[in-house]
């Protein structure tokens, strides 16, 4: 009986040794490079989350097909996709799960409200994070050297929207509504500041949530103040019903929003009441992006119509992998310094990061719904 017991103990000891050797960045010590992708894959924003995931997956599949060699070894990228449900608490749970799984980098999260708390976990683990779509100023203002984004932030977007509302749309009295998320509140604050500086009066500042669909009380209150323009800072599941309810109340005021509203889903939800709405989106129009037309063709052939942020998720993967190539390693400690030095020509444009991790020289494009589709009005370039 003694020999089987000894053998069993040896097997157990070997298993413990193997498991003990798997560090938190085990993806950097094998031929598998684990990269996380996080976005809402269920719930009202799932169409946007899946768009991000598909953009990242397209890039990963291309890189694997082309072949990736780091440190003299042929590597294969595994994309570990997680659903944060656009919920800050869930976001921290999946962030820790990815860290424990041994990811060496993360593409995400989609929402600022999820990205910000998750960034603390990634920073503590030394794991680089590139968000394709989180625009809140607070994300990169934390001072984390692991936090980057490839999309213009809300300081730039809010300023452009506020100036546009007053100088181009002639708004003198403006009502502002936000969804109280990190994204919505931050964008609304920047918009109100810029519109006020341009000479407009903010006659109402109302709040909702990113789960609400009934805005009758808020809109009735706003209607009594006779604004020239209503600005909404939030996502399309709220913007669509809001547009409908504005018209139901006879509120014919111009509706203006940010990138969360500038989606095909907004038009689907608002129906005919979407007509005339204006919204911004950080970045160039897809057709004027350096690689936009080619990206659109291969993405839509495989996944269907682009919702919004897919090109940015695609670029984020390439930016991360190019940093690994320069470092000749997928080890976060080795490629993180290279990530900060990024100078990459992506689908969305030239990508460089400033000292905070924000993309430099970003653009903001304004769009309007005409005949049931979004059409570009103009693009404003940031000097940042």
Foldseek 3Di string as FASTA:
>chain_A
DVVVVVVVVVVVVVVVVVVVPCDLQNCFVDQEAEEEEEEACDDPCNLQSVLLVLLLVVLLVVDVVVWDFFPNDTHHYDYHYDHQNLDQVSLLVVLVVSSNVNHQEYEDDAELLNQQSSVVVCLVSLHAYEYLHYAQPNRLVVPRLRYAYQFHHLLVVLLVLLCCCCVVVVWAEEEEEEAPGSQGVRNRVNNVVNVVVSHHHDPYYYYHHQVDLDCLVVLVVVVVVPTQEYEYEYALVRLQSVLQNCVVVVNPHAYEYEQRCQWLSSCVSNPPSQAFHKYKGKADPLVPFPQRVVCQVVSCVPPNHNTGRSQSSNVVNVLLSVLSVVQSTSNSVRSSVSSQQDFDQGRRGTFHADSSNYTAFIKMWMWGQDPSHTDTDDIDTDND
